[in-house]
PDB file of N, CA and C in Angstrom:
ATOM      1  N   UNK A   1     134.576 108.008  97.147  1.00  0.00           N
ATOM      2  CA  UNK A   1     133.423 107.376  97.758  1.00  0.00           C
ATOM      3  C   UNK A   1     132.978 108.118  99.015  1.00  0.00           C
ATOM      4  N   UNK A   2     133.904 108.550  99.816  1.00  0.00           N
ATOM      5  CA  UNK A   2     133.546 109.166 101.090  1.00  0.00           C
ATOM      6  C   UNK A   2     132.741 110.449 100.874  1.00  0.00           C
ATOM      7  N   UNK A   3     133.218 111.314  99.993  1.00  0.00           N
ATOM      8  CA  UNK A   3     132.518 112.577  99.765  1.00  0.00           C
ATOM      9  C   UNK A   3     131.091 112.337  99.263  1.00  0.00           C
ATOM     10  N   UNK A   4     130.924 111.419  98.341  1.00  0.00           N
ATOM     11  CA  UNK A   4     129.593 111.143  97.798  1.00  0.00           C
ATOM     12  C   UNK A   4     128.692 110.505  98.851  1.00  0.00           C
ATOM     13  N   UNK A   5     129.246 109.720  99.747  1.00  0.00           N
ATOM     14  CA  UNK A   5     128.443 109.143 100.827  1.00  0.00           C
ATOM     15  C   UNK A   5     127.879 110.238 101.717  1.00  0.00           C
ATOM     16  N   UNK A   6     128.690 111.249 102.022  1.00  0.00           N
ATOM     17  CA  UNK A   6     128.202 112.362 102.833  1.00  0.00           C
ATOM     18  C   UNK A   6     127.120 113.136 102.092  1.00  0.00           C
ATOM     19  N   UNK A   7     127.281 113.318 100.792  1.00  0.00           N
ATOM     20  CA  UNK A   7     126.250 113.999 100.003  1.00  0.00           C
ATOM     21  C   UNK A   7     124.949 113.202 100.026  1.00  0.00           C
ATOM     22  N   UNK A   8     125.066 111.898  99.884  1.00  0.00           N
ATOM     23  CA  UNK A   8     123.874 111.042  99.918  1.00  0.00           C
ATOM     24  C   UNK A   8     123.201 111.126 101.282  1.00  0.00           C
ATOM     25  N   UNK A   9     123.980 111.144 102.344  1.00  0.00           N
ATOM     26  CA  UNK A   9     123.418 111.237 103.686  1.00  0.00           C
ATOM     27  C   UNK A   9     122.684 112.562 103.880  1.00  0.00           C
ATOM     28  N   UNK A  10     123.268 113.659 103.425  1.00  0.00           N
ATOM     29  CA  UNK A  10     122.609 114.967 103.541  1.00  0.00           C
ATOM     30  C   UNK A  10     121.298 114.974 102.753  1.00  0.00           C
ATOM     31  N   UNK A  11     121.320 114.415 101.561  1.00  0.00           N
ATOM     32  CA  UNK A  11     120.101 114.379 100.744  1.00  0.00           C
ATOM     33  C   UNK A  11     119.034 113.490 101.385  1.00  0.00           C
ATOM     34  N   UNK A  12     119.460 112.407 101.982  1.00  0.00           N
ATOM     35  CA  UNK A  12     118.549 111.506 102.680  1.00  0.00           C
ATOM     36  C   UNK A  12     117.875 112.231 103.842  1.00  0.00           C
ATOM     37  N   UNK A  13     118.653 112.953 104.633  1.00  0.00           N
ATOM     38  CA  UNK A  13     118.103 113.680 105.779  1.00  0.00           C
ATOM     39  C   UNK A  13     117.135 114.771 105.301  1.00  0.00           C
ATOM     40  N   UNK A  14     117.475 115.447 104.228  1.00  0.00           N
ATOM     41  CA  UNK A  14     116.590 116.463 103.660  1.00  0.00           C
ATOM     42  C   UNK A  14     115.288 115.835 103.166  1.00  0.00           C
ATOM     43  N   UNK A  15     115.384 114.715 102.488  1.00  0.00           N
ATOM     44  CA  UNK A  15     114.192 114.026 101.988  1.00  0.00           C
ATOM     45  C   UNK A  15     113.267 113.643 103.133  1.00  0.00           C
ATOM     46  N   UNK A  16     113.829 113.154 104.231  1.00  0.00           N
ATOM     47  CA  UNK A  16     113.003 112.796 105.391  1.00  0.00           C
ATOM     48  C   UNK A  16     112.256 114.012 105.929  1.00  0.00           C
ATOM     49  N   UNK A  17     112.919 115.163 105.975  1.00  0.00           N
ATOM     50  CA  UNK A  17     112.250 116.379 106.456  1.00  0.00           C
ATOM     51  C   UNK A  17     111.147 116.812 105.494  1.00  0.00           C
ATOM     52  N   UNK A  18     111.410 116.714 104.202  1.00  0.00           N
ATOM     53  CA  UNK A  18     110.407 117.095 103.207  1.00  0.00           C
ATOM     54  C   UNK A  18     109.190 116.176 103.315  1.00  0.00           C
ATOM     55  N   UNK A  19     109.430 114.884 103.419  1.00  0.00           N
ATOM     56  CA  UNK A  19     108.315 113.947 103.549  1.00  0.00           C
ATOM     57  C   UNK A  19     107.492 114.251 104.792  1.00  0.00           C
ATOM     58  N   UNK A  20     108.159 114.499 105.900  1.00  0.00           N
ATOM     59  CA  UNK A  20     107.450 114.813 107.138  1.00  0.00           C
ATOM     60  C   UNK A  20     106.603 116.064 106.953  1.00  0.00           C
ATOM     61  N   UNK A  21     107.148 117.068 106.280  1.00  0.00           N
ATOM     62  CA  UNK A  21     106.397 118.284 106.008  1.00  0.00           C
ATOM     63  C   UNK A  21     105.185 118.050 105.132  1.00  0.00           C
ATOM     64  N   UNK A  22     105.241 117.015 104.313  1.00  0.00           N
ATOM     65  CA  UNK A  22     104.120 116.677 103.441  1.00  0.00           C
ATOM     66  C   UNK A  22     103.112 115.754 104.127  1.00  0.00           C
ATOM     67  N   UNK A  23     103.396 115.402 105.374  1.00  0.00           N
ATOM     68  CA  UNK A  23     102.501 114.508 106.094  1.00  0.00           C
ATOM     69  C   UNK A  23     102.740 113.043 105.817  1.00  0.00           C
ATOM     70  N   UNK A  24     103.899 112.717 105.286  1.00  0.00           N
ATOM     71  CA  UNK A  24     104.257 111.325 104.983  1.00  0.00           C
ATOM     72  C   UNK A  24     105.300 110.882 105.996  1.00  0.00           C
ATOM     73  N   UNK A  25     105.105 109.705 106.549  1.00  0.00           N
ATOM     74  CA  UNK A  25     106.026 109.189 107.557  1.00  0.00           C
ATOM     75  C   UNK A  25     107.441 109.112 106.984  1.00  0.00           C
ATOM     76  N   UNK A  26     108.401 109.775 107.614  1.00  0.00           N
ATOM     77  CA  UNK A  26     109.774 109.736 107.108  1.00  0.00           C
ATOM     78  C   UNK A  26     110.385 108.331 107.166  1.00  0.00           C
ATOM     79  N   UNK A  27     109.751 107.445 107.899  1.00  0.00           N
ATOM     80  CA  UNK A  27     110.233 106.061 107.976  1.00  0.00           C
ATOM     81  C   UNK A  27     110.011 105.303 106.677  1.00  0.00           C
ATOM     82  N   UNK A  28     109.367 105.936 105.705  1.00  0.00           N
ATOM     83  CA  UNK A  28     109.121 105.291 104.416  1.00  0.00           C
ATOM     84  C   UNK A  28     110.339 105.320 103.500  1.00  0.00           C
ATOM     85  N   UNK A  29     111.402 105.972 103.923  1.00  0.00           N
ATOM     86  CA  UNK A  29     112.663 105.940 103.181  1.00  0.00           C
ATOM     87  C   UNK A  29     113.751 105.464 104.130  1.00  0.00           C
ATOM     88  N   UNK A  30     114.731 104.783 103.571  1.00  0.00           N
ATOM     89  CA  UNK A  30     115.806 104.223 104.393  1.00  0.00           C
ATOM     90  C   UNK A  30     117.100 104.288 103.598  1.00  0.00           C
ATOM     91  N   UNK A  31     118.167 104.579 104.290  1.00  0.00           N
ATOM     92  CA  UNK A  31     119.486 104.608 103.674  1.00  0.00           C
ATOM     93  C   UNK A  31     120.310 103.482 104.276  1.00  0.00           C
ATOM     94  N   UNK A  32     120.843 102.628 103.414  1.00  0.00           N
ATOM     95  CA  UNK A  32     121.659 101.499 103.865  1.00  0.00           C
ATOM     96  C   UNK A  32     122.967 101.522 103.106  1.00  0.00           C
ATOM     97  N   UNK A  33     124.055 101.429 103.826  1.00  0.00           N
ATOM     98  CA  UNK A  33     125.366 101.344 103.187  1.00  0.00           C
ATOM     99  C   UNK A  33     125.699  99.879 102.974  1.00  0.00           C
ATOM    100  N   UNK A  34     125.915  99.492 101.735  1.00  0.00           N
ATOM    101  CA  UNK A  34     126.260  98.109 101.413  1.00  0.00           C
ATOM    102  C   UNK A  34     127.125  98.094 100.158  1.00  0.00           C
ATOM    103  N   UNK A  35     128.142  97.275 100.184  1.00  0.00           N
ATOM    104  CA  UNK A  35     128.994  97.139  99.001  1.00  0.00           C
ATOM    105  C   UNK A  35     128.474  96.003  98.128  1.00  0.00           C
ATOM    106  N   UNK A  36     129.047  95.862  96.959  1.00  0.00           N
ATOM    107  CA  UNK A  36     128.649  94.797  96.047  1.00  0.00           C
ATOM    108  C   UNK A  36     128.905  93.423  96.656  1.00  0.00           C
ATOM    109  N   UNK A  37     129.832  93.344  97.602  1.00  0.00           N
ATOM    110  CA  UNK A  37     130.156  92.068  98.241  1.00  0.00           C
ATOM    111  C   UNK A  37     129.207  91.734  99.386  1.00  0.00           C
ATOM    112  N   UNK A  38     128.266  92.629  99.680  1.00  0.00           N
ATOM    113  CA  UNK A  38     127.364  92.415 100.814  1.00  0.00           C
ATOM    114  C   UNK A  38     125.937  92.149 100.352  1.00  0.00           C
ATOM    115  N   UNK A  39     125.792  91.273  99.386  1.00  0.00           N
ATOM    116  CA  UNK A  39     124.477  90.957  98.847  1.00  0.00           C
ATOM    117  C   UNK A  39     123.520  90.403  99.876  1.00  0.00           C
ATOM    118  N   UNK A  40     124.010  89.560 100.761  1.00  0.00           N
ATOM    119  CA  UNK A  40     123.158  88.960 101.790  1.00  0.00           C
ATOM    120  C   UNK A  40     122.656  90.045 102.736  1.00  0.00           C
ATOM    121  N   UNK A  41     123.552  90.952 103.124  1.00  0.00           N
ATOM    122  CA  UNK A  41     123.158  92.046 104.007  1.00  0.00           C
ATOM    123  C   UNK A  41     122.093  92.912 103.331  1.00  0.00           C
ATOM    124  N   UNK A  42     122.328  93.253 102.072  1.00  0.00           N
ATOM    125  CA  UNK A  42     121.379  94.101 101.342  1.00  0.00           C
ATOM    126  C   UNK A  42     120.020  93.414 101.214  1.00  0.00           C
ATOM    127  N   UNK A  43     120.009  92.136 100.896  1.00  0.00           N
ATOM    128  CA  UNK A  43     118.746  91.395 100.779  1.00  0.00           C
ATOM    129  C   UNK A  43     117.995  91.402 102.107  1.00  0.00           C
ATOM    130  N   UNK A  44     118.719  91.229 103.193  1.00  0.00           N
ATOM    131  CA  UNK A  44     118.096  91.245 104.523  1.00  0.00           C
ATOM    132  C   UNK A  44     117.512  92.632 104.817  1.00  0.00           C
ATOM    133  N   UNK A  45     118.263  93.671 104.510  1.00  0.00           N
ATOM    134  CA  UNK A  45     117.789  95.043 104.740  1.00  0.00           C
ATOM    135  C   UNK A  45     116.539  95.335 103.918  1.00  0.00           C
ATOM    136  N   UNK A  46     116.510  94.856 102.681  1.00  0.00           N
ATOM    137  CA  UNK A  46     115.342  95.075 101.825  1.00  0.00           C
ATOM    138  C   UNK A  46     114.130  94.354 102.396  1.00  0.00           C
ATOM    139  N   UNK A  47     114.301  93.099 102.789  1.00  0.00           N
ATOM    140  CA  UNK A  47     113.187  92.338 103.374  1.00  0.00           C
ATOM    141  C   UNK A  47     112.656  93.020 104.632  1.00  0.00           C
ATOM    142  N   UNK A  48     113.561  93.470 105.481  1.00  0.00           N
ATOM    143  CA  UNK A  48     113.167  94.151 106.718  1.00  0.00           C
ATOM    144  C   UNK A  48     112.420  95.437 106.403  1.00  0.00           C
ATOM    145  N   UNK A  49     112.939  96.206 105.457  1.00  0.00           N
ATOM    146  CA  UNK A  49     112.316  97.476 105.104  1.00  0.00           C
ATOM    147  C   UNK A  49     110.926  97.278 104.509  1.00  0.00           C
ATOM    148  N   UNK A  50     110.766  96.265 103.678  1.00  0.00           N
ATOM    149  CA  UNK A  50     109.454  95.979 103.087  1.00  0.00           C
ATOM    150  C   UNK A  50     108.439  95.716 104.194  1.00  0.00           C
ATOM    151  N   UNK A  51     108.821  94.949 105.189  1.00  0.00           N
ATOM    152  CA  UNK A  51     107.917  94.656 106.308  1.00  0.00           C
ATOM    153  C   UNK A  51     107.607  95.911 107.108  1.00  0.00           C
ATOM    154  N   UNK A  52     108.595  96.779 107.313  1.00  0.00           N
ATOM    155  CA  UNK A  52     108.380  98.030 108.048  1.00  0.00           C
ATOM    156  C   UNK A  52     107.391  98.929 107.307  1.00  0.00           C
ATOM    157  N   UNK A  53     107.535  99.023 105.997  1.00  0.00           N
ATOM    158  CA  UNK A  53     106.630  99.865 105.207  1.00  0.00           C
ATOM    159  C   UNK A  53     105.230  99.253 105.181  1.00  0.00           C
ATOM    160  N   UNK A  54     105.139  97.967 105.074  1.00  0.00           N
ATOM    161  CA  UNK A  54     103.816  97.315 105.115  1.00  0.00           C
ATOM    162  C   UNK A  54     103.121  97.597 106.439  1.00  0.00           C
ATOM    163  N   UNK A  55     103.882  97.591 107.527  1.00  0.00           N
ATOM    164  CA  UNK A  55     103.306  97.868 108.846  1.00  0.00           C
ATOM    165  C   UNK A  55     102.787  99.305 108.938  1.00  0.00           C
ATOM    166  N   UNK A  56     103.396 100.223 108.193  1.00  0.00           N
ATOM    167  CA  UNK A  56     102.922 101.609 108.177  1.00  0.00           C
ATOM    168  C   UNK A  56     101.585 101.739 107.465  1.00  0.00           C
ATOM    169  N   UNK A  57     101.300 100.808 106.573  1.00  0.00           N
ATOM    170  CA  UNK A  57     100.041 100.844 105.836  1.00  0.00           C
ATOM    171  C   UNK A  57     100.137 101.728 104.607  1.00  0.00           C
ATOM    172  N   UNK A  58      99.037 101.802 103.887  1.00  0.00           N
ATOM    173  CA  UNK A  58      99.044 102.606 102.658  1.00  0.00           C
ATOM    174  C   UNK A  58      99.108 104.104 102.975  1.00  0.00           C
ATOM    175  N   UNK A  59      99.580 104.864 102.003  1.00  0.00           N
ATOM    176  CA  UNK A  59      99.604 106.315 102.145  1.00  0.00           C
ATOM    177  C   UNK A  59      98.171 106.848 102.107  1.00  0.00           C
ATOM    178  N   UNK A  60      97.910 107.835 102.930  1.00  0.00           N
ATOM    179  CA  UNK A  60      96.593 108.470 102.946  1.00  0.00           C
ATOM    180  C   UNK A  60      96.686 109.755 102.145  1.00  0.00           C
ATOM    181  N   UNK A  61      96.839 109.635 100.826  1.00  0.00           N
ATOM    182  CA  UNK A  61      97.055 110.804  99.976  1.00  0.00           C
ATOM    183  C   UNK A  61      95.946 111.827 100.114  1.00  0.00           C
ATOM    184  N   UNK A  62      94.692 111.388 100.049  1.00  0.00           N
ATOM    185  CA  UNK A  62      93.581 112.330 100.114  1.00  0.00           C
ATOM    186  C   UNK A  62      93.588 113.076 101.445  1.00  0.00           C
ATOM    187  N   UNK A  63      93.813 112.357 102.530  1.00  0.00           N
ATOM    188  CA  UNK A  63      93.861 112.979 103.861  1.00  0.00           C
ATOM    189  C   UNK A  63      95.001 113.995 103.932  1.00  0.00           C
ATOM    190  N   UNK A  64      96.163 113.635 103.405  1.00  0.00           N
ATOM    191  CA  UNK A  64      97.303 114.551 103.419  1.00  0.00           C
ATOM    192  C   UNK A  64      97.023 115.792 102.583  1.00  0.00           C
ATOM    193  N   UNK A  65      96.380 115.605 101.437  1.00  0.00           N
ATOM    194  CA  UNK A  65      96.051 116.745 100.583  1.00  0.00           C
ATOM    195  C   UNK A  65      95.054 117.668 101.273  1.00  0.00           C
ATOM    196  N   UNK A  66      94.050 117.075 101.930  1.00  0.00           N
ATOM    197  CA  UNK A  66      93.057 117.885 102.634  1.00  0.00           C
ATOM    198  C   UNK A  66      93.695 118.651 103.786  1.00  0.00           C
ATOM    199  N   UNK A  67      94.574 118.011 104.536  1.00  0.00           N
ATOM    200  CA  UNK A  67      95.256 118.689 105.642  1.00  0.00           C
ATOM    201  C   UNK A  67      96.122 119.819 105.114  1.00  0.00           C
ATOM    202  N   UNK A  68      96.815 119.591 104.030  1.00  0.00           N
ATOM    203  CA  UNK A  68      97.644 120.635 103.436  1.00  0.00           C
ATOM    204  C   UNK A  68      96.796 121.789 102.932  1.00  0.00           C
ATOM    205  N   UNK A  69      95.651 121.467 102.347  1.00  0.00           N
ATOM    206  CA  UNK A  69      94.755 122.502 101.840  1.00  0.00           C
ATOM    207  C   UNK A  69      94.219 123.333 103.000  1.00  0.00           C
ATOM    208  N   UNK A  70      93.843 122.684 104.097  1.00  0.00           N
ATOM    209  CA  UNK A  70      93.329 123.410 105.259  1.00  0.00           C
ATOM    210  C   UNK A  70      94.392 124.322 105.848  1.00  0.00           C
ATOM    211  N   UNK A  71      95.622 123.848 105.917  1.00  0.00           N
ATOM    212  CA  UNK A  71      96.708 124.667 106.455  1.00  0.00           C
ATOM    213  C   UNK A  71      96.929 125.884 105.574  1.00  0.00           C
ATOM    214  N   UNK A  72      96.859 125.701 104.263  1.00  0.00           N
ATOM    215  CA  UNK A  72      97.026 126.820 103.338  1.00  0.00           C
ATOM    216  C   UNK A  72      95.892 127.819 103.522  1.00  0.00           C
ATOM    217  N   UNK A  73      94.679 127.330 103.698  1.00  0.00           N
ATOM    218  CA  UNK A  73      93.515 128.191 103.886  1.00  0.00           C
ATOM    219  C   UNK A  73      93.682 129.020 105.159  1.00  0.00           C
ATOM    220  N   UNK A  74      94.172 128.384 106.233  1.00  0.00           N
ATOM    221  CA  UNK A  74      94.370 129.099 107.491  1.00  0.00           C
ATOM    222  C   UNK A  74      95.409 130.201 107.331  1.00  0.00           C
ATOM    223  N   UNK A  75      96.458 129.956 106.602  1.00  0.00           N
ATOM    224  CA  UNK A  75      97.498 130.961 106.383  1.00  0.00           C
ATOM    225  C   UNK A  75      96.916 132.149 105.622  1.00  0.00           C
ATOM    226  N   UNK A  76      96.096 131.869 104.626  1.00  0.00           N
ATOM    227  CA  UNK A  76      95.487 132.954 103.836  1.00  0.00           C
ATOM    228  C   UNK A  76      94.547 133.775 104.703  1.00  0.00           C
ATOM    229  N   UNK A  77      93.741 133.102 105.557  1.00  0.00           N
ATOM    230  CA  UNK A  77      92.795 133.810 106.410  1.00  0.00           C
ATOM    231  C   UNK A  77      93.521 134.704 107.413  1.00  0.00           C
ATOM    232  N   UNK A  78      94.607 134.222 107.987  1.00  0.00           N
ATOM    233  CA  UNK A  78      95.354 134.985 108.971  1.00  0.00           C
ATOM    234  C   UNK A  78      95.981 136.210 108.337  1.00  0.00           C
ATOM    235  N   UNK A  79      96.502 136.078 107.117  1.00  0.00           N
ATOM    236  CA  UNK A  79      97.192 137.185 106.471  1.00  0.00           C
ATOM    237  C   UNK A  79      96.228 138.179 105.828  1.00  0.00           C
ATOM    238  N   UNK A  80      94.971 137.815 105.681  1.00  0.00           N
ATOM    239  CA  UNK A  80      94.007 138.697 104.998  1.00  0.00           C
ATOM    240  C   UNK A  80      93.503 139.818 105.882  1.00  0.00           C
TER     241      UNK A  80
END
């Protein structure tokens, strides 16, 4: 269990960096350690997380795509 928990943590941290690079708030993912005996804790964490994501609002996919496209265009112009 311990080794896999560390792997999950590393993947979680990587995912947050990737999301940030894509213009998506890294707060949209959360890692919670809970055992099968901690159903109440897990339910509370899920409820809290749902409210946190709702507060962030909907994803601005079009805006993120346009920003990414502009950044790519700038890189091409600089290297040309």
